[in-house]
């Protein structure tokens, strides 16, 4: 017991010193460690790449479902990211960052006719990363067994999100689960057909609108603010922000979202120091965080095309 008390006392002293140091010298401890060289191993691997916890990559903008409060805004977007564009970005950034986990998402990834090639490429570029493919599974029947083999060989973890209670769609969902498991692919079912978190609200015309939150409060409550994102060969601090920026540029979002223009993602020529500075040493809210809610708001899960028409 005495040892435990002593350890707690020492740790309390360390935290007290850290707060004093950062308050009066205005130099965050992480910044001092990195730029002094003492703590670079905390941020860089043996090859000089920046370590990050999670990297998300969207390979499709469109989706075969229309989830009312989709955080990716997919009911209002369309199209696929060309495989060549994605592979070029993988090859570029695999020399710069070392993600522990890589998430392949959409829209709906199974819409992509070159998913097989994309999977092989991301695994070749980051062979030591845990790769997770998130899908609603409803289009798996369109893909050949070779794609199932690619998932198994790359040891990809497939998350199947159940977004609807439609009987026909549920049948396809169950078939997808069975096929993946029979093929030796690691799978996990994520039930999302009841309640969702929402990151925007809808006006009377059904158009997505931002929240106008206090950025500090929104950032503090944010779940995705440690999930970095690779989009359009640029590295973003936040996946929600990456999606919003792209939707705004496409004209999907109106002038109320203009604040996203204040954020500048990292370009492909970014150095390791610039990446560490941008992702790790600036752990603070962005101006664009005002678009997100200050609280967790959970709503009923609804498909837009299943809402009864009103007269």
Foldseek 3Di string as FASTA:
>chain_A
DVVVVVVVVVVVVVVVVQVVCCVPVVQHPVNCCCVVVNNVVVQAPPLRAGEAAEEEEEFWLEAPFFWLQPLLPRNLDGDGHDLVLLLVLLQLNLSHYAYQEYEYEYNALLVDPCSQVNLVSNCVSHVNHAYEYEHLQLNPVVDDVSSLVSQQVSLHEYEHEPQAPPPVSVVSSVVSVVVSVVSVHHYHYHYDNWKDWHWFDADPVSATAFQQADQQLLLVADDQQRHWYQDSSFIGSGPSLVSLVVCVVVVSDDPNQVLSVVDDTHHSVDHNVRVCCRHPVPSGGDPSSSRGDSHTDMDTTDTPVPDDDDD
